[in-house]
Amino acid sequence: MANALKDPGAITDYHAHVYYDPSSKDRAAELRAWVEQRFAGQMRMGSWHDEPVGPHVQAMYQIAFPPALLPTLVPFLMLNRMGLTILLHPQSGRPRDDHTLNAVWMGEVLPVKTEVLRETG
């Protein structure tokens, strides 16, 4: 069976999930402040989740941003993540694929609870 070509135009935005634990929350807070200062008004910063939520198995917060910000925000995260793990994924209407097959990890690859992700497209 041949693979179907996927259109990157289906990506409406991106999510970067910044993971932390009690020993790294201060670094996560510093990174969050840097992103808020540098990219103010260009992205949406999610709430702190000190307990696992949704498909995520560790505490985290989310940064949601448009495709136009990808060339600047992602390299900034790569160079300034201070050892934190970050999951970067597109929002293409296929949540399970976006969090797994289409995901990019910076740092440790963590498990994702795929059973809570329903495909919509």
N, C-alpha and C. Protein backbone atom coordinates (compact mmCIF):
# COMPACT_ATOMS: atom_id res chain seq x y z
N MET A 1 0.84 -1.18 0.00
CA MET A 1 0.00 0.00 0.00
C MET A 1 0.88 1.25 0.00
N ALA A 2 0.57 2.18 -0.86
CA ALA A 2 1.36 3.40 -0.97
C ALA A 2 0.96 4.40 0.10
N ASN A 3 1.92 5.17 0.55
CA ASN A 3 1.63 6.24 1.50
C ASN A 3 0.97 7.40 0.76
N ALA A 4 0.02 8.02 1.41
CA ALA A 4 -0.63 9.20 0.84
C ALA A 4 0.19 10.44 1.16
N LEU A 5 0.35 11.29 0.18
CA LEU A 5 1.07 12.55 0.38
C LEU A 5 0.24 13.46 1.28
N LYS A 6 0.87 14.03 2.28
CA LYS A 6 0.17 14.90 3.23
C LYS A 6 0.53 16.36 2.93
N ASP A 7 -0.47 17.22 2.98
CA ASP A 7 -0.29 18.64 2.67
C ASP A 7 0.07 19.42 3.94
N PRO A 8 1.26 20.02 4.01
CA PRO A 8 1.60 20.84 5.18
C PRO A 8 0.65 22.01 5.39
N GLY A 9 -0.12 22.37 4.37
CA GLY A 9 -1.11 23.42 4.51
C GLY A 9 -2.21 23.08 5.49
N ALA A 10 -2.32 21.79 5.85
CA ALA A 10 -3.31 21.35 6.84
C ALA A 10 -2.93 21.77 8.25
N ILE A 11 -1.69 22.20 8.45
CA ILE A 11 -1.22 22.60 9.79
C ILE A 11 -1.77 23.99 10.10
N THR A 12 -2.62 24.07 11.11
CA THR A 12 -3.21 25.35 11.50
C THR A 12 -2.33 26.10 12.49
N ASP A 13 -1.66 25.37 13.36
CA ASP A 13 -0.69 25.96 14.27
C ASP A 13 0.15 24.85 14.86
N TYR A 14 1.04 25.23 15.78
CA TYR A 14 1.94 24.29 16.45
C TYR A 14 1.80 24.42 17.95
N HIS A 15 2.11 23.33 18.63
CA HIS A 15 2.19 23.34 20.09
C HIS A 15 3.58 22.88 20.49
N ALA A 16 4.16 23.59 21.43
CA ALA A 16 5.40 23.17 22.09
C ALA A 16 5.04 22.93 23.55
N HIS A 17 5.17 21.70 24.01
CA HIS A 17 4.89 21.33 25.40
C HIS A 17 6.22 21.29 26.14
N VAL A 18 6.37 22.14 27.13
CA VAL A 18 7.59 22.23 27.93
C VAL A 18 7.36 21.44 29.21
N TYR A 19 8.10 20.36 29.38
CA TYR A 19 7.94 19.46 30.52
C TYR A 19 8.89 19.85 31.65
N TYR A 20 8.43 19.62 32.87
CA TYR A 20 9.25 19.94 34.04
C TYR A 20 8.84 19.02 35.19
N ASP A 21 9.65 19.03 36.22
CA ASP A 21 9.33 18.35 37.48
C ASP A 21 9.69 19.33 38.59
N PRO A 22 9.48 18.97 39.85
CA PRO A 22 9.78 19.94 40.92
C PRO A 22 11.22 20.48 40.88
N SER A 23 12.16 19.65 40.46
CA SER A 23 13.56 20.10 40.45
C SER A 23 13.89 20.99 39.26
N SER A 24 13.04 21.02 38.24
CA SER A 24 13.34 21.83 37.05
C SER A 24 12.30 22.91 36.79
N LYS A 25 11.35 23.09 37.70
CA LYS A 25 10.30 24.08 37.48
C LYS A 25 10.86 25.50 37.39
N ASP A 26 11.92 25.80 38.13
CA ASP A 26 12.51 27.14 38.05
C ASP A 26 13.07 27.42 36.66
N ARG A 27 13.69 26.41 36.04
CA ARG A 27 14.19 26.57 34.67
C ARG A 27 13.03 26.74 33.69
N ALA A 28 11.96 25.96 33.91
CA ALA A 28 10.77 26.07 33.06
C ALA A 28 10.17 27.47 33.17
N ALA A 29 10.18 28.03 34.36
CA ALA A 29 9.65 29.38 34.57
C ALA A 29 10.53 30.42 33.88
N GLU A 30 11.84 30.23 33.94
CA GLU A 30 12.74 31.15 33.28
C GLU A 30 12.55 31.10 31.76
N LEU A 31 12.46 29.91 31.21
CA LEU A 31 12.23 29.77 29.77
C LEU A 31 10.90 30.40 29.38
N ARG A 32 9.88 30.16 30.18
CA ARG A 32 8.56 30.74 29.91
C ARG A 32 8.63 32.28 29.86
N ALA A 33 9.33 32.88 30.82
CA ALA A 33 9.47 34.33 30.86
C ALA A 33 10.22 34.84 29.62
N TRP A 34 11.27 34.15 29.22
CA TRP A 34 12.01 34.54 28.02
C TRP A 34 11.11 34.50 26.78
N VAL A 35 10.33 33.42 26.64
CA VAL A 35 9.44 33.29 25.48
C VAL A 35 8.38 34.38 25.51
N GLU A 36 7.81 34.63 26.68
CA GLU A 36 6.78 35.68 26.79
C GLU A 36 7.35 37.05 26.43
N GLN A 37 8.58 37.33 26.83
CA GLN A 37 9.20 38.62 26.52
C GLN A 37 9.53 38.74 25.03
N ARG A 38 10.16 37.71 24.51
CA ARG A 38 10.66 37.76 23.13
C ARG A 38 9.55 37.64 22.09
N PHE A 39 8.49 36.88 22.39
CA PHE A 39 7.45 36.60 21.40
C PHE A 39 6.08 37.11 21.84
N ALA A 40 6.06 38.15 22.64
CA ALA A 40 4.81 38.73 23.15
C ALA A 40 3.85 39.06 22.01
N GLY A 41 2.60 38.64 22.16
CA GLY A 41 1.58 38.92 21.18
C GLY A 41 1.61 38.04 19.94
N GLN A 42 2.61 37.17 19.84
CA GLN A 42 2.74 36.31 18.66
C GLN A 42 2.35 34.87 18.94
N MET A 43 2.24 34.50 20.21
CA MET A 43 1.92 33.12 20.61
C MET A 43 0.96 33.16 21.79
N ARG A 44 0.40 31.99 22.12
CA ARG A 44 -0.48 31.86 23.28
C ARG A 44 0.19 30.93 24.29
N MET A 45 0.39 31.43 25.49
CA MET A 45 1.02 30.64 26.54
C MET A 45 -0.07 29.93 27.34
N GLY A 46 0.05 28.62 27.47
CA GLY A 46 -0.91 27.84 28.23
C GLY A 46 -0.64 27.88 29.72
N SER A 47 -1.57 27.33 30.46
CA SER A 47 -1.48 27.27 31.92
C SER A 47 -0.41 26.28 32.36
N TRP A 48 0.07 26.49 33.59
CA TRP A 48 0.93 25.51 34.24
C TRP A 48 0.07 24.31 34.60
N HIS A 49 0.55 23.12 34.30
CA HIS A 49 -0.12 21.87 34.70
C HIS A 49 0.89 21.08 35.53
N ASP A 50 0.81 21.22 36.86
CA ASP A 50 1.76 20.55 37.75
C ASP A 50 1.50 19.06 37.87
N GLU A 51 0.37 18.60 37.37
CA GLU A 51 0.04 17.18 37.33
C GLU A 51 -0.15 16.79 35.87
N PRO A 52 0.10 15.53 35.51
CA PRO A 52 -0.12 15.11 34.13
C PRO A 52 -1.56 15.40 33.69
N VAL A 53 -1.71 15.83 32.44
CA VAL A 53 -3.02 16.16 31.90
C VAL A 53 -3.09 15.66 30.45
N GLY A 54 -4.27 15.21 30.04
CA GLY A 54 -4.46 14.74 28.67
C GLY A 54 -3.49 13.62 28.33
N PRO A 55 -2.82 13.73 27.18
CA PRO A 55 -1.90 12.65 26.77
C PRO A 55 -0.52 12.76 27.41
N HIS A 56 -0.31 13.77 28.23
CA HIS A 56 1.02 14.04 28.78
C HIS A 56 1.22 13.34 30.12
N VAL A 57 2.36 12.70 30.28
CA VAL A 57 2.64 11.89 31.47
C VAL A 57 3.47 12.64 32.52
N GLN A 58 3.74 13.90 32.26
CA GLN A 58 4.56 14.70 33.18
C GLN A 58 3.99 16.12 33.21
N ALA A 59 4.29 16.84 34.27
CA ALA A 59 3.89 18.24 34.38
C ALA A 59 4.42 19.02 33.18
N MET A 60 3.63 20.01 32.72
CA MET A 60 4.05 20.77 31.56
C MET A 60 3.20 22.02 31.40
N TYR A 61 3.65 22.91 30.52
CA TYR A 61 2.82 23.98 29.98
C TYR A 61 2.99 23.97 28.48
N GLN A 62 2.06 24.60 27.80
CA GLN A 62 2.03 24.59 26.34
C GLN A 62 2.25 26.00 25.79
N ILE A 63 2.97 26.05 24.68
CA ILE A 63 3.10 27.28 23.90
C ILE A 63 2.45 26.98 22.55
N ALA A 64 1.38 27.69 22.21
CA ALA A 64 0.71 27.53 20.91
C ALA A 64 1.12 28.70 20.03
N PHE A 65 1.46 28.39 18.77
CA PHE A 65 1.94 29.45 17.89
C PHE A 65 1.63 29.14 16.42
N PRO A 66 1.52 30.18 15.60
CA PRO A 66 1.19 30.00 14.19
C PRO A 66 2.40 29.51 13.39
N PRO A 67 2.15 28.91 12.22
CA PRO A 67 3.26 28.43 11.39
C PRO A 67 4.30 29.49 11.06
N ALA A 68 3.89 30.74 10.93
CA ALA A 68 4.84 31.81 10.60
C ALA A 68 5.92 32.00 11.67
N LEU A 69 5.65 31.57 12.90
CA LEU A 69 6.61 31.73 14.00
C LEU A 69 7.59 30.55 14.11
N LEU A 70 7.33 29.49 13.37
CA LEU A 70 8.17 28.29 13.45
C LEU A 70 9.65 28.58 13.23
N PRO A 71 10.04 29.37 12.22
CA PRO A 71 11.47 29.57 11.98
C PRO A 71 12.21 30.36 13.05
N THR A 72 11.49 31.05 13.92
CA THR A 72 12.17 31.82 14.96
C THR A 72 11.97 31.24 16.36
N LEU A 73 10.76 30.79 16.67
CA LEU A 73 10.50 30.27 18.02
C LEU A 73 11.17 28.92 18.25
N VAL A 74 11.12 28.04 17.26
CA VAL A 74 11.70 26.70 17.47
C VAL A 74 13.22 26.77 17.68
N PRO A 75 13.98 27.48 16.87
CA PRO A 75 15.42 27.59 17.17
C PRO A 75 15.69 28.24 18.53
N PHE A 76 14.86 29.20 18.91
CA PHE A 76 15.01 29.82 20.24
C PHE A 76 14.84 28.76 21.33
N LEU A 77 13.81 27.91 21.21
CA LEU A 77 13.60 26.84 22.19
C LEU A 77 14.76 25.84 22.17
N MET A 78 15.22 25.49 20.99
CA MET A 78 16.33 24.54 20.86
C MET A 78 17.57 25.00 21.62
N LEU A 79 17.88 26.28 21.48
CA LEU A 79 19.11 26.81 22.07
C LEU A 79 18.96 27.23 23.53
N ASN A 80 17.73 27.39 24.00
CA ASN A 80 17.52 27.95 25.34
C ASN A 80 16.70 27.05 26.26
N ARG A 81 16.57 25.77 25.95
CA ARG A 81 15.69 24.90 26.75
C ARG A 81 16.32 24.45 28.07
N MET A 82 17.55 24.75 28.31
CA MET A 82 18.23 24.47 29.58
C MET A 82 18.05 23.03 30.05
N GLY A 83 18.13 22.09 29.12
CA GLY A 83 18.01 20.68 29.48
C GLY A 83 16.59 20.19 29.64
N LEU A 84 15.61 21.05 29.50
CA LEU A 84 14.21 20.63 29.61
C LEU A 84 13.80 19.84 28.38
N THR A 85 12.85 18.96 28.55
CA THR A 85 12.29 18.20 27.43
C THR A 85 11.14 19.00 26.85
N ILE A 86 11.10 19.07 25.51
CA ILE A 86 10.04 19.78 24.81
C ILE A 86 9.50 18.88 23.70
N LEU A 87 8.19 18.76 23.65
CA LEU A 87 7.50 18.07 22.55
C LEU A 87 6.95 19.15 21.63
N LEU A 88 7.34 19.11 20.37
CA LEU A 88 6.83 20.03 19.35
C LEU A 88 5.97 19.22 18.40
N HIS A 89 4.74 19.67 18.17
CA HIS A 89 3.89 18.96 17.22
C HIS A 89 2.96 19.92 16.49
N PRO A 90 2.58 19.53 15.26
CA PRO A 90 1.65 20.36 14.51
C PRO A 90 0.22 20.10 14.98
N GLN A 91 -0.66 21.00 14.61
CA GLN A 91 -2.10 20.82 14.77
C GLN A 91 -2.65 20.69 13.35
N SER A 92 -2.89 19.46 12.93
CA SER A 92 -3.34 19.22 11.56
C SER A 92 -4.72 18.58 11.50
N GLY A 93 -5.37 18.43 12.67
CA GLY A 93 -6.66 17.77 12.70
C GLY A 93 -6.56 16.28 12.96
N ARG A 94 -5.35 15.79 13.19
CA ARG A 94 -5.13 14.37 13.49
C ARG A 94 -4.34 14.28 14.79
N PRO A 95 -5.00 14.46 15.93
CA PRO A 95 -4.29 14.57 17.22
C PRO A 95 -3.35 13.40 17.54
N ARG A 96 -3.77 12.17 17.27
CA ARG A 96 -2.90 11.03 17.60
C ARG A 96 -1.64 11.07 16.74
N ASP A 97 -1.82 11.26 15.44
CA ASP A 97 -0.65 11.34 14.56
C ASP A 97 0.22 12.54 14.91
N ASP A 98 -0.41 13.68 15.21
CA ASP A 98 0.36 14.88 15.50
C ASP A 98 1.23 14.74 16.75
N HIS A 99 0.74 14.02 17.76
CA HIS A 99 1.49 13.82 19.01
C HIS A 99 2.49 12.67 18.93
N THR A 100 2.43 11.88 17.86
CA THR A 100 3.32 10.71 17.75
C THR A 100 4.10 10.74 16.44
N LEU A 101 3.46 10.37 15.34
CA LEU A 101 4.14 10.26 14.05
C LEU A 101 4.72 11.57 13.56
N ASN A 102 4.02 12.67 13.81
CA ASN A 102 4.43 13.97 13.29
C ASN A 102 5.15 14.84 14.32
N ALA A 103 5.50 14.27 15.45
CA ALA A 103 6.10 15.03 16.55
C ALA A 103 7.62 15.10 16.44
N VAL A 104 8.16 16.15 17.04
CA VAL A 104 9.61 16.34 17.16
C VAL A 104 9.91 16.52 18.65
N TRP A 105 10.90 15.80 19.14
CA TRP A 105 11.28 15.90 20.55
C TRP A 105 12.61 16.62 20.68
N MET A 106 12.69 17.48 21.68
CA MET A 106 13.94 18.10 22.10
C MET A 106 14.21 17.54 23.49
N GLY A 107 15.28 16.78 23.63
CA GLY A 107 15.57 16.14 24.91
C GLY A 107 14.99 14.74 24.93
N GLU A 108 14.69 14.29 26.14
CA GLU A 108 14.19 12.92 26.35
C GLU A 108 12.84 12.72 25.66
N VAL A 109 12.68 11.56 25.01
CA VAL A 109 11.40 11.20 24.42
C VAL A 109 10.56 10.56 25.51
N LEU A 110 9.42 11.16 25.81
CA LEU A 110 8.53 10.67 26.86
C LEU A 110 7.37 9.90 26.25
N PRO A 111 6.77 9.00 27.01
CA PRO A 111 5.58 8.32 26.49
C PRO A 111 4.43 9.32 26.34
N VAL A 112 3.53 9.01 25.45
CA VAL A 112 2.32 9.80 25.23
C VAL A 112 1.14 8.85 25.34
N LYS A 113 0.13 9.25 26.12
CA LYS A 113 -1.07 8.41 26.30
C LYS A 113 -1.96 8.58 25.07
N THR A 114 -1.71 7.76 24.07
CA THR A 114 -2.43 7.90 22.80
C THR A 114 -3.91 7.54 22.90
N GLU A 115 -4.26 6.77 23.91
CA GLU A 115 -5.67 6.36 24.03
C GLU A 115 -6.61 7.53 24.29
N VAL A 116 -6.10 8.65 24.74
CA VAL A 116 -6.96 9.82 24.97
C VAL A 116 -7.03 10.75 23.76
N LEU A 117 -6.29 10.41 22.71
CA LEU A 117 -6.26 11.24 21.51
C LEU A 117 -7.14 10.60 20.44
N ARG A 118 -8.14 11.31 20.01
CA ARG A 118 -9.06 10.81 18.99
C ARG A 118 -8.75 11.50 17.66
N GLU A 119 -8.68 10.71 16.63
CA GLU A 119 -8.47 11.28 15.29
C GLU A 119 -9.76 11.94 14.83
N THR A 120 -9.63 13.14 14.28
CA THR A 120 -10.82 13.89 13.83
C THR A 120 -10.85 14.06 12.33
N GLY A 121 -9.79 13.77 11.64
CA GLY A 121 -9.76 14.01 10.20
C GLY A 121 -9.31 12.81 9.42
